[in-house]
Amino acid sequence: MLKLTDLTLHYGHSQILNGISMEAKQGEVTCVMGTNGVGKTSLMKAISGTHPRSGGKLELNGEQMGIFSAHRMAWKGVAYVPQGREIFPLLTVRENLETGFSCLPGNEHSVPEEIFDLFPVLKQMQNRRGGDLSGGQQQQLAIARALITKPRLLLLDEPTEGIQPNIIQQIGEVIRHLNTSGRMAIVLVEQYFDFAYDLADRIVVLRRGEVLINDAKEELSRDQVLQGVTV
């Protein structure tokens, strides 16, 4: 589904990612882990087109992607839920969901009932402004809005950050459901170790902008992964 080869990224003269090579397969959760500042969010931005990569190859469904904008990558089937959620606070829940229509043909401009099956609270709050929702509800809205675009690759950056435990559990159940459906590849960046480890099919650990570990979870012990993400 997604294949990166020697991907690099710079902010000005500072190189943040150094030759990242990894894959994320359809029907699997690939968890990207590591301490703060190792380049996890930068990797998500490079994949989504939010920040242009400096070099390397990005292949999606066998097609080589150029240095495309975030909007074009969304059209190609990449949905990105950024750290901080970035919902529209003055739009209603339904209007936030409808912004995902921009990536779809006109005959698909409807909110599937499955979205409300996954996130029942959003159905109850369709007419509430996004800014009036709790942090956990906003996170659910951000994920739901990404799913509206019918992605083939879903990027989730720190979905548990600042979220109450019961919502974390719900989000984990949604990720499992999406993974089981086999319709997409999921790349999850997560600091909450138990959450990430439990969901992962494949684990990628970054250190100083480089890949330290890249393997199927079944090939790794919990202690190996913990050691990789510990300073």
Protein backbone atom coordinates (compact mmCIF):
# COMPACT_ATOMS: atom_id res chain seq x y z
CA MET A 1 0.00 0.00 0.00
CA LEU A 2 2.69 2.51 1.11
CA LYS A 3 6.39 2.14 0.42
CA LEU A 4 9.04 4.69 1.38
CA THR A 5 12.59 4.47 0.10
CA ASP A 6 15.39 6.69 1.48
CA LEU A 7 12.96 9.50 2.34
CA THR A 8 14.58 12.69 3.65
CA LEU A 9 13.09 15.91 4.97
CA HIS A 10 14.56 19.29 5.90
CA TYR A 11 13.30 22.34 7.75
CA GLY A 12 15.47 25.04 6.27
CA HIS A 13 19.07 23.85 6.65
CA SER A 14 18.20 21.28 9.35
CA GLN A 15 17.80 17.71 8.22
CA ILE A 16 15.08 15.98 10.24
CA LEU A 17 14.63 12.66 8.43
CA ASN A 18 17.61 10.69 7.18
CA GLY A 19 16.87 8.01 4.61
CA ILE A 20 13.63 6.54 5.97
CA SER A 21 12.66 3.25 4.30
CA MET A 22 9.52 1.43 5.45
CA GLU A 23 6.26 -0.09 4.27
CA ALA A 24 2.67 0.01 5.52
CA LYS A 25 0.43 -2.73 4.17
CA GLN A 26 -3.29 -2.88 3.61
CA GLY A 27 -5.07 -4.56 6.51
CA GLU A 28 -2.26 -3.78 8.95
CA VAL A 29 -1.52 -1.15 11.59
CA THR A 30 2.04 0.13 11.33
CA CYS A 31 3.02 1.92 14.54
CA VAL A 32 5.75 4.55 14.39
CA MET A 33 7.29 5.02 17.82
CA GLY A 34 10.16 6.88 19.44
CA THR A 35 10.92 9.63 21.92
CA ASN A 36 9.97 13.27 21.36
CA GLY A 37 11.82 15.04 18.58
CA VAL A 38 12.93 12.00 16.57
CA GLY A 39 10.90 12.95 13.50
CA LYS A 40 7.63 11.03 13.87
CA THR A 41 5.33 13.96 13.05
CA SER A 42 7.70 15.13 10.31
CA LEU A 43 7.37 11.69 8.74
CA MET A 44 3.58 11.98 8.76
CA LYS A 45 3.80 15.43 7.19
CA ALA A 46 6.11 14.13 4.46
CA ILE A 47 3.77 11.23 3.64
CA SER A 48 0.65 13.43 3.61
CA GLY A 49 2.22 16.22 1.58
CA THR A 50 1.77 18.73 4.41
CA HIS A 51 5.52 19.39 4.27
CA PRO A 52 7.40 18.45 1.09
CA ARG A 53 10.03 15.77 1.43
CA SER A 54 13.55 16.69 0.35
CA GLY A 55 14.32 13.43 -1.38
CA GLY A 56 13.59 9.74 -1.64
CA LYS A 57 10.69 7.84 -3.15
CA LEU A 58 7.09 7.48 -1.98
CA GLU A 59 5.01 4.76 -3.61
CA LEU A 60 1.28 4.36 -3.05
CA ASN A 61 -0.52 1.32 -4.43
CA GLY A 62 2.34 0.72 -6.82
CA GLU A 63 2.27 4.29 -8.16
CA GLN A 64 5.24 6.60 -7.65
CA MET A 65 4.14 9.86 -6.01
CA GLY A 66 5.85 13.10 -6.89
CA ILE A 67 6.30 15.97 -4.44
CA PHE A 68 2.55 16.46 -4.25
CA SER A 69 0.50 18.93 -2.19
CA ALA A 70 -1.57 17.72 0.74
CA HIS A 71 -4.74 18.19 -1.31
CA ARG A 72 -3.43 16.08 -4.16
CA MET A 73 -2.29 13.37 -1.77
CA ALA A 74 -5.79 13.39 -0.28
CA TRP A 75 -7.19 12.83 -3.77
CA LYS A 76 -4.77 9.91 -4.08
CA GLY A 77 -6.33 8.33 -0.99
CA VAL A 78 -4.22 9.60 1.91
CA ALA A 79 -6.11 10.87 4.97
CA TYR A 80 -4.15 12.62 7.72
CA VAL A 81 -5.39 13.23 11.27
CA PRO A 82 -2.78 15.63 12.63
CA GLN A 83 -1.61 16.08 16.18
CA GLY A 84 -3.91 18.70 17.68
CA ARG A 85 -6.89 17.55 15.56
CA GLU A 86 -7.35 20.87 13.66
CA ILE A 87 -11.13 20.69 13.40
CA PHE A 88 -13.02 23.87 12.46
CA PRO A 89 -14.29 25.24 15.80
CA LEU A 90 -17.02 27.51 14.36
CA LEU A 91 -18.48 24.89 12.01
CA THR A 92 -20.98 22.34 13.26
CA VAL A 93 -20.06 18.69 13.58
CA ARG A 94 -21.91 17.90 10.34
CA GLU A 95 -20.24 20.81 8.52
CA ASN A 96 -16.84 19.58 9.72
CA LEU A 97 -17.63 16.14 8.34
CA GLU A 98 -18.78 17.63 5.05
CA THR A 99 -15.41 19.30 4.47
CA GLY A 100 -14.21 15.79 3.60
CA PHE A 101 -16.42 15.90 0.50
CA SER A 102 -13.77 17.98 -1.28
CA CYS A 103 -11.88 14.75 -2.02
CA LEU A 104 -14.90 12.92 -3.41
CA PRO A 105 -16.93 13.05 -6.64
CA GLY A 106 -20.28 14.84 -6.38
CA ASN A 107 -22.36 11.67 -6.27
CA GLU A 108 -20.60 10.60 -3.06
CA HIS A 109 -21.34 13.75 -1.04
CA SER A 110 -23.14 12.12 1.86
CA VAL A 111 -22.13 11.09 5.37
CA PRO A 112 -22.24 7.28 5.56
CA GLU A 113 -24.24 5.83 8.43
CA GLU A 114 -21.15 3.78 9.30
CA ILE A 115 -19.50 6.99 10.54
CA PHE A 116 -22.21 7.40 13.18
CA ASP A 117 -22.04 3.69 13.99
CA LEU A 118 -18.34 4.13 14.78
CA PHE A 119 -18.83 7.45 16.61
CA PRO A 120 -22.38 7.58 18.04
CA VAL A 121 -21.68 10.79 19.97
CA LEU A 122 -21.23 12.67 16.68
CA LYS A 123 -24.75 11.77 15.56
CA GLN A 124 -26.11 13.22 18.80
CA MET A 125 -24.06 16.40 18.35
CA GLN A 126 -24.42 17.01 14.60
CA ASN A 127 -25.63 20.57 15.11
CA ARG A 128 -23.15 21.49 17.85
CA ARG A 129 -20.15 23.61 16.93
CA GLY A 130 -16.87 21.74 16.79
CA GLY A 131 -15.30 24.11 19.29
CA ASP A 132 -17.94 23.19 21.88
CA LEU A 133 -16.93 19.53 21.91
CA SER A 134 -14.58 18.02 24.49
CA GLY A 135 -11.05 17.12 23.43
CA GLY A 136 -11.99 13.46 23.11
CA GLN A 137 -15.06 14.27 21.03
CA GLN A 138 -12.99 16.54 18.79
CA GLN A 139 -10.53 13.68 18.25
CA GLN A 140 -13.39 11.42 17.22
CA LEU A 141 -14.62 14.13 14.85
CA ALA A 142 -11.16 14.52 13.31
CA ILE A 143 -10.91 10.77 12.65
CA ALA A 144 -14.47 10.65 11.30
CA ARG A 145 -13.75 13.56 8.95
CA ALA A 146 -10.71 11.69 7.62
CA LEU A 147 -12.82 8.57 7.03
CA ILE A 148 -15.34 10.59 5.01
CA THR A 149 -12.68 10.84 2.28
CA LYS A 150 -12.71 7.00 1.92
CA PRO A 151 -8.93 6.72 2.35
CA ARG A 152 -6.70 3.87 1.30
CA LEU A 153 -4.03 5.11 3.73
CA LEU A 154 -4.99 6.56 7.13
CA LEU A 155 -2.35 8.51 9.08
CA LEU A 156 -3.03 9.06 12.79
CA ASP A 157 -0.68 11.33 14.74
CA GLU A 158 -0.94 10.95 18.53
CA PRO A 159 -4.71 10.24 18.65
CA THR A 160 -4.62 9.62 22.44
CA GLU A 161 -2.91 12.88 23.38
CA GLY A 162 -4.85 14.68 26.10
CA ILE A 163 -7.80 12.28 25.81
CA GLN A 164 -9.72 10.72 28.69
CA PRO A 165 -9.27 6.93 29.14
CA ASN A 166 -12.78 5.89 28.02
CA ILE A 167 -12.37 7.77 24.72
CA ILE A 168 -8.91 6.23 24.24
CA GLN A 169 -10.55 2.82 24.53
CA GLN A 170 -13.23 3.79 21.98
CA ILE A 171 -10.62 5.07 19.52
CA GLY A 172 -8.67 1.83 19.92
CA GLU A 173 -11.82 -0.16 19.10
CA VAL A 174 -12.40 1.97 15.98
CA ILE A 175 -8.82 1.39 14.79
CA ARG A 176 -9.24 -2.36 15.31
CA HIS A 177 -12.49 -2.31 13.36
CA LEU A 178 -10.95 -0.38 10.48
CA ASN A 179 -7.98 -2.72 10.45
CA THR A 180 -10.17 -5.82 10.44
CA SER A 181 -12.15 -4.45 7.49
CA GLY A 182 -8.94 -4.67 5.43
CA ARG A 183 -9.87 -1.63 3.33
CA MET A 184 -6.87 0.51 4.19
CA ALA A 185 -3.38 0.68 5.58
CA ILE A 186 -3.07 2.52 8.90
CA VAL A 187 0.04 4.32 10.12
CA LEU A 188 -0.19 5.25 13.79
CA VAL A 189 2.21 7.59 15.56
CA GLU A 190 1.76 7.14 19.28
CA GLN A 191 3.60 7.88 22.54
CA TYR A 192 1.25 5.80 24.71
CA PHE A 193 3.26 2.58 24.53
CA ASP A 194 0.63 0.04 25.61
CA PHE A 195 -1.96 1.50 23.21
CA ALA A 196 0.44 1.39 20.27
CA TYR A 197 1.95 -2.00 21.04
CA ASP A 198 -1.46 -3.59 21.49
CA LEU A 199 -2.72 -2.36 18.10
CA ALA A 200 0.44 -2.85 16.05
CA ASP A 201 0.98 -5.42 13.34
CA ARG A 202 4.30 -3.84 12.39
CA ILE A 203 6.52 -1.57 14.49
CA VAL A 204 8.87 1.13 13.24
CA VAL A 205 11.03 2.87 15.85
CA LEU A 206 12.78 6.09 14.92
CA ARG A 207 15.85 7.53 16.58
CA ARG A 208 17.45 10.81 15.50
CA GLY A 209 15.55 10.82 12.24
CA GLU A 210 16.59 7.30 11.25
CA VAL A 211 14.95 3.88 11.42
CA LEU A 212 16.18 1.89 14.42
CA ILE A 213 13.62 -0.94 14.33
CA ASN A 214 11.40 -2.01 11.44
CA ASP A 215 9.79 -5.41 11.82
CA ALA A 216 6.56 -7.33 12.33
CA LYS A 217 5.49 -7.23 15.98
CA GLU A 218 5.54 -11.01 16.16
CA GLU A 219 9.27 -10.92 15.40
CA LEU A 220 9.99 -8.53 18.29
CA SER A 221 9.81 -8.93 22.03
CA ARG A 222 8.10 -6.27 24.10
CA ASP A 223 11.42 -5.55 25.82
CA GLN A 224 13.16 -4.97 22.47
CA VAL A 225 10.59 -2.37 21.51
CA LEU A 226 10.65 -0.73 24.94
CA GLN A 227 14.41 -0.49 24.80
CA GLY A 228 14.17 1.13 21.37
CA VAL A 229 11.79 3.86 22.54
CA THR A 230 13.62 4.58 25.81
CA VAL A 231 16.13 7.41 25.98
